[in-house]
Amino acid sequence: MPARKEDVVTEKRRYLSSAARKEEILDAALVEFSDRTYNAVSMERLAECAGMSKAGIYAHFKSKEEIFHALLERMTKQLCDFQGWLPDEDLTLPELVDVYLDRLYATFDSPATISVYRLLLAESARAPALVRHWREEVAGGLRERAQLIIQRNIERGVIRPGVLTEHFFPLALAPALLWLNSSMLSRGDPSISLVQLREAHRQLLLELLQPEVSRGSGLN
């Protein structure tokens, strides 16, 4: 008698490693927590969404809180891995801006990024130590790296110093963060598309960073 489809799926799932199972649980938790809030989601619901039994999910995580902490830790690791989002090469100003925006908007265009951002805004009080670690270690590392590269290119004469370069990390992120907030509040229907925003963001950075000696010649 041929095996039923359900049996085949179950059989395949039995051979997933513990690490792979945990990733499936975290993926399901990210969707559920961001769509329904932390309090509204039960372990039974998470088990169902991850395609396993309640006993199965408890074999990997002791509680819903532990799952939430694991989600934040995973996000922190991903952002730490992303600290190379600004280039080290000796590029022109338009090239520097394009590399920066390509990496930035690829991240902001990800549904997972929106889900994590929504989750952080709504539930960060549940894990203050992890959020503080993210702010001090991850965001702080990104900010320091950005400032080092900005300073390097000021010294090369590629970038004009000013208010933007003194506080590059928060100010350069602001348009994309405002779009992300707008997208969340409008349920995915912001007043400007991400493509339009990226082009406006590009022109803004070029105008604010262009050295005075280059202003007459223009930038592409």
Protein backbone atom coordinates (compact mmCIF):
# COMPACT_ATOMS: atom_id res chain seq x y z
CA MET A 1 0.00 0.00 0.00
CA PRO A 2 1.54 3.36 -1.01
CA ALA A 3 2.40 5.75 1.79
CA ARG A 4 0.04 8.63 2.36
CA LYS A 5 1.30 12.15 1.65
CA GLU A 6 0.96 13.04 5.34
CA ASP A 7 3.10 10.05 6.31
CA VAL A 8 5.80 11.05 3.82
CA VAL A 9 5.90 14.62 5.16
CA THR A 10 6.04 13.36 8.75
CA GLU A 11 8.80 10.92 7.86
CA LYS A 12 10.84 13.68 6.26
CA ARG A 13 10.36 15.95 9.24
CA ARG A 14 11.69 13.28 11.62
CA TYR A 15 15.11 13.61 10.05
CA LEU A 16 15.45 17.38 10.50
CA SER A 17 18.24 18.35 12.84
CA SER A 18 17.43 20.04 16.13
CA ALA A 19 18.88 23.30 14.80
CA ALA A 20 16.66 23.13 11.70
CA ARG A 21 13.59 22.42 13.83
CA LYS A 22 14.36 25.41 16.03
CA GLU A 23 14.64 27.64 12.97
CA GLU A 24 11.21 26.46 11.81
CA ILE A 25 9.76 27.24 15.23
CA LEU A 26 11.35 30.70 15.25
CA ASP A 27 10.07 31.43 11.74
CA ALA A 28 6.55 30.50 12.82
CA ALA A 29 6.87 32.51 16.04
CA LEU A 30 8.01 35.62 14.17
CA VAL A 31 4.90 35.53 11.99
CA GLU A 32 2.52 34.79 14.86
CA PHE A 33 3.97 37.29 17.35
CA SER A 34 4.00 40.11 14.80
CA ASP A 35 0.51 39.35 13.44
CA ARG A 36 -1.32 38.51 16.66
CA THR A 37 0.89 39.92 19.49
CA TYR A 38 2.81 37.93 22.06
CA ASN A 39 -0.03 37.51 24.58
CA ALA A 40 -2.47 36.22 21.96
CA VAL A 41 -0.25 33.34 20.86
CA SER A 42 -0.12 30.05 22.73
CA MET A 43 2.49 27.31 22.59
CA GLU A 44 -0.17 25.10 21.03
CA ARG A 45 -0.63 27.64 18.24
CA LEU A 46 3.12 27.89 17.66
CA ALA A 47 3.39 24.11 17.50
CA GLU A 48 0.57 23.97 14.97
CA CYS A 49 2.14 26.68 12.80
CA ALA A 50 5.52 24.94 12.94
CA GLY A 51 3.91 21.65 11.93
CA MET A 52 4.66 19.71 15.10
CA SER A 53 3.01 18.57 18.30
CA LYS A 54 2.94 20.52 21.55
CA ALA A 55 5.32 17.97 23.03
CA GLY A 56 7.59 18.45 20.04
CA ILE A 57 7.89 22.20 20.51
CA TYR A 58 8.59 21.77 24.24
CA ALA A 59 11.46 19.45 23.31
CA HIS A 60 13.20 22.48 21.80
CA PHE A 61 11.98 25.41 23.92
CA LYS A 62 10.85 25.39 27.54
CA SER A 63 8.46 28.32 27.18
CA LYS A 64 7.06 31.00 24.93
CA GLU A 65 9.36 33.52 26.61
CA GLU A 66 12.38 31.42 25.68
CA ILE A 67 11.20 31.44 22.06
CA PHE A 68 10.85 35.22 22.17
CA HIS A 69 14.37 35.61 23.56
CA ALA A 70 15.71 33.27 20.86
CA LEU A 71 14.04 35.41 18.20
CA LEU A 72 15.75 38.56 19.45
CA GLU A 73 19.08 36.76 19.69
CA ARG A 74 18.72 35.57 16.10
CA MET A 75 17.94 39.08 14.93
CA THR A 76 20.97 40.40 16.81
CA LYS A 77 23.24 37.83 15.13
CA GLN A 78 21.85 38.71 11.69
CA LEU A 79 22.51 42.40 12.28
CA CYS A 80 26.00 41.69 13.58
CA ASP A 81 26.67 39.76 10.38
CA PHE A 82 25.46 42.82 8.46
CA GLN A 83 28.05 45.21 9.86
CA GLY A 84 29.77 45.20 6.48
CA TRP A 85 26.90 47.19 4.96
CA LEU A 86 29.18 50.16 4.22
CA PRO A 87 32.05 49.71 1.76
CA ASP A 88 35.76 49.87 2.46
CA GLU A 89 36.84 50.47 -1.14
CA ASP A 90 37.96 53.84 -2.50
CA LEU A 91 34.73 54.68 -4.33
CA THR A 92 33.29 57.89 -5.74
CA LEU A 93 30.47 59.58 -3.82
CA PRO A 94 27.69 58.25 -6.11
CA GLU A 95 29.17 54.75 -5.82
CA LEU A 96 29.36 55.01 -2.03
CA VAL A 97 25.75 56.18 -1.82
CA ASP A 98 24.54 53.44 -4.18
CA VAL A 99 26.30 50.66 -2.26
CA TYR A 100 24.92 51.97 1.03
CA LEU A 101 21.35 52.29 -0.27
CA ASP A 102 21.43 48.94 -2.08
CA ARG A 103 22.22 47.14 1.16
CA LEU A 104 19.85 49.26 3.24
CA TYR A 105 16.81 48.92 0.99
CA ALA A 106 17.37 45.22 0.39
CA THR A 107 17.01 44.83 4.15
CA PHE A 108 13.98 47.10 4.48
CA ASP A 109 12.22 45.39 1.56
CA SER A 110 12.26 42.08 3.43
CA PRO A 111 8.96 40.99 5.07
CA ALA A 112 11.04 39.49 7.88
CA THR A 113 12.55 42.91 8.64
CA ILE A 114 9.09 44.47 8.96
CA SER A 115 7.95 41.62 11.21
CA VAL A 116 10.98 41.94 13.48
CA TYR A 117 10.62 45.73 13.66
CA ARG A 118 6.94 45.43 14.58
CA LEU A 119 7.78 42.81 17.19
CA LEU A 120 10.48 44.99 18.75
CA LEU A 121 8.19 48.00 18.98
CA ALA A 122 5.37 46.02 20.57
CA GLU A 123 7.19 43.58 22.82
CA SER A 124 10.67 44.90 23.61
CA ALA A 125 9.78 45.44 27.29
CA ARG A 126 9.68 41.66 27.68
CA ALA A 127 13.41 41.36 27.09
CA PRO A 128 15.04 44.65 28.17
CA ALA A 129 18.50 43.10 28.54
CA LEU A 130 18.46 41.76 24.99
CA VAL A 131 17.14 45.03 23.59
CA ARG A 132 19.81 46.95 25.51
CA HIS A 133 22.46 44.58 24.14
CA TRP A 134 21.14 45.16 20.61
CA ARG A 135 21.20 48.93 21.09
CA GLU A 136 24.68 49.07 22.63
CA GLU A 137 26.50 46.31 20.76
CA VAL A 138 24.78 45.95 17.39
CA ALA A 139 23.46 49.44 16.67
CA GLY A 140 26.51 50.92 18.37
CA GLY A 141 28.84 48.84 16.20
CA LEU A 142 27.04 49.86 13.03
CA ARG A 143 27.14 53.51 14.07
CA GLU A 144 30.88 53.42 14.82
CA ARG A 145 31.66 51.67 11.54
CA ALA A 146 29.60 54.22 9.60
CA GLN A 147 31.39 57.13 11.26
CA LEU A 148 34.83 55.64 10.57
CA ILE A 149 34.06 55.22 6.87
CA ILE A 150 32.49 58.67 6.62
CA GLN A 151 35.58 60.23 8.24
CA ARG A 152 37.86 58.29 5.91
CA ASN A 153 36.03 59.65 2.87
CA ILE A 154 35.99 63.20 4.26
CA GLU A 155 39.79 62.95 4.47
CA ARG A 156 39.86 61.71 0.86
CA GLY A 157 37.86 64.76 -0.19
CA VAL A 158 34.96 62.63 -1.44
CA ILE A 159 32.47 63.77 1.22
CA ARG A 160 31.75 67.26 2.54
CA PRO A 161 31.69 67.46 6.37
CA GLY A 162 28.53 68.79 7.99
CA VAL A 163 25.65 67.93 10.32
CA LEU A 164 24.84 64.77 8.36
CA THR A 165 28.38 63.43 8.60
CA GLU A 166 28.56 64.18 12.33
CA HIS A 167 25.50 62.00 12.96
CA PHE A 168 25.44 59.87 9.83
CA PHE A 169 23.98 56.63 11.20
CA PRO A 170 20.66 57.97 12.59
CA LEU A 171 20.16 60.77 10.04
CA ALA A 172 20.94 58.68 6.96
CA LEU A 173 18.58 55.95 8.20
CA ALA A 174 15.72 58.35 8.93
CA PRO A 175 13.92 58.31 5.53
CA ALA A 176 13.88 54.51 5.40
CA LEU A 177 12.72 54.23 9.03
CA LEU A 178 9.92 56.73 8.41
CA TRP A 179 8.84 54.70 5.38
CA LEU A 180 8.86 51.53 7.48
CA ASN A 181 6.67 53.17 10.13
CA SER A 182 4.33 54.47 7.42
CA SER A 183 4.11 51.03 5.84
CA MET A 184 3.19 49.46 9.17
CA LEU A 185 0.59 52.10 10.05
CA SER A 186 -1.00 51.96 6.60
CA ARG A 187 -0.94 48.14 6.55
CA GLY A 188 1.40 47.93 3.60
CA ASP A 189 0.08 50.93 1.64
CA PRO A 190 2.49 53.84 2.29
CA SER A 191 2.11 57.16 0.49
CA ILE A 192 5.30 56.59 -1.52
CA SER A 193 6.70 53.39 -2.98
CA LEU A 194 10.01 52.01 -1.78
CA VAL A 195 11.48 52.53 -5.26
CA GLN A 196 10.44 56.20 -5.27
CA LEU A 197 11.76 56.69 -1.76
CA ARG A 198 15.11 55.14 -2.62
CA GLU A 199 15.62 57.54 -5.53
CA ALA A 200 14.66 60.57 -3.41
CA HIS A 201 16.89 59.28 -0.60
CA ARG A 202 19.77 58.95 -3.07
CA GLN A 203 19.40 62.52 -4.30
CA LEU A 204 19.17 63.81 -0.74
CA LEU A 205 22.41 62.11 0.31
CA LEU A 206 24.24 63.24 -2.81
CA GLU A 207 23.19 66.86 -2.29
CA LEU A 208 24.13 66.88 1.40
CA LEU A 209 27.44 65.03 1.03
CA GLN A 210 28.77 66.51 -2.21
CA PRO A 211 31.97 68.53 -1.67
CA GLU A 212 31.68 72.24 -2.40
CA VAL A 213 34.21 72.08 -5.26
CA SER A 214 32.01 69.50 -7.05
CA ARG A 215 28.70 71.31 -6.75
CA GLY A 216 29.07 73.17 -10.01
CA SER A 217 29.73 70.01 -12.03
CA GLY A 218 26.77 67.98 -10.69
CA LEU A 219 26.51 64.29 -9.83
CA ASN A 220 25.05 61.35 -11.71
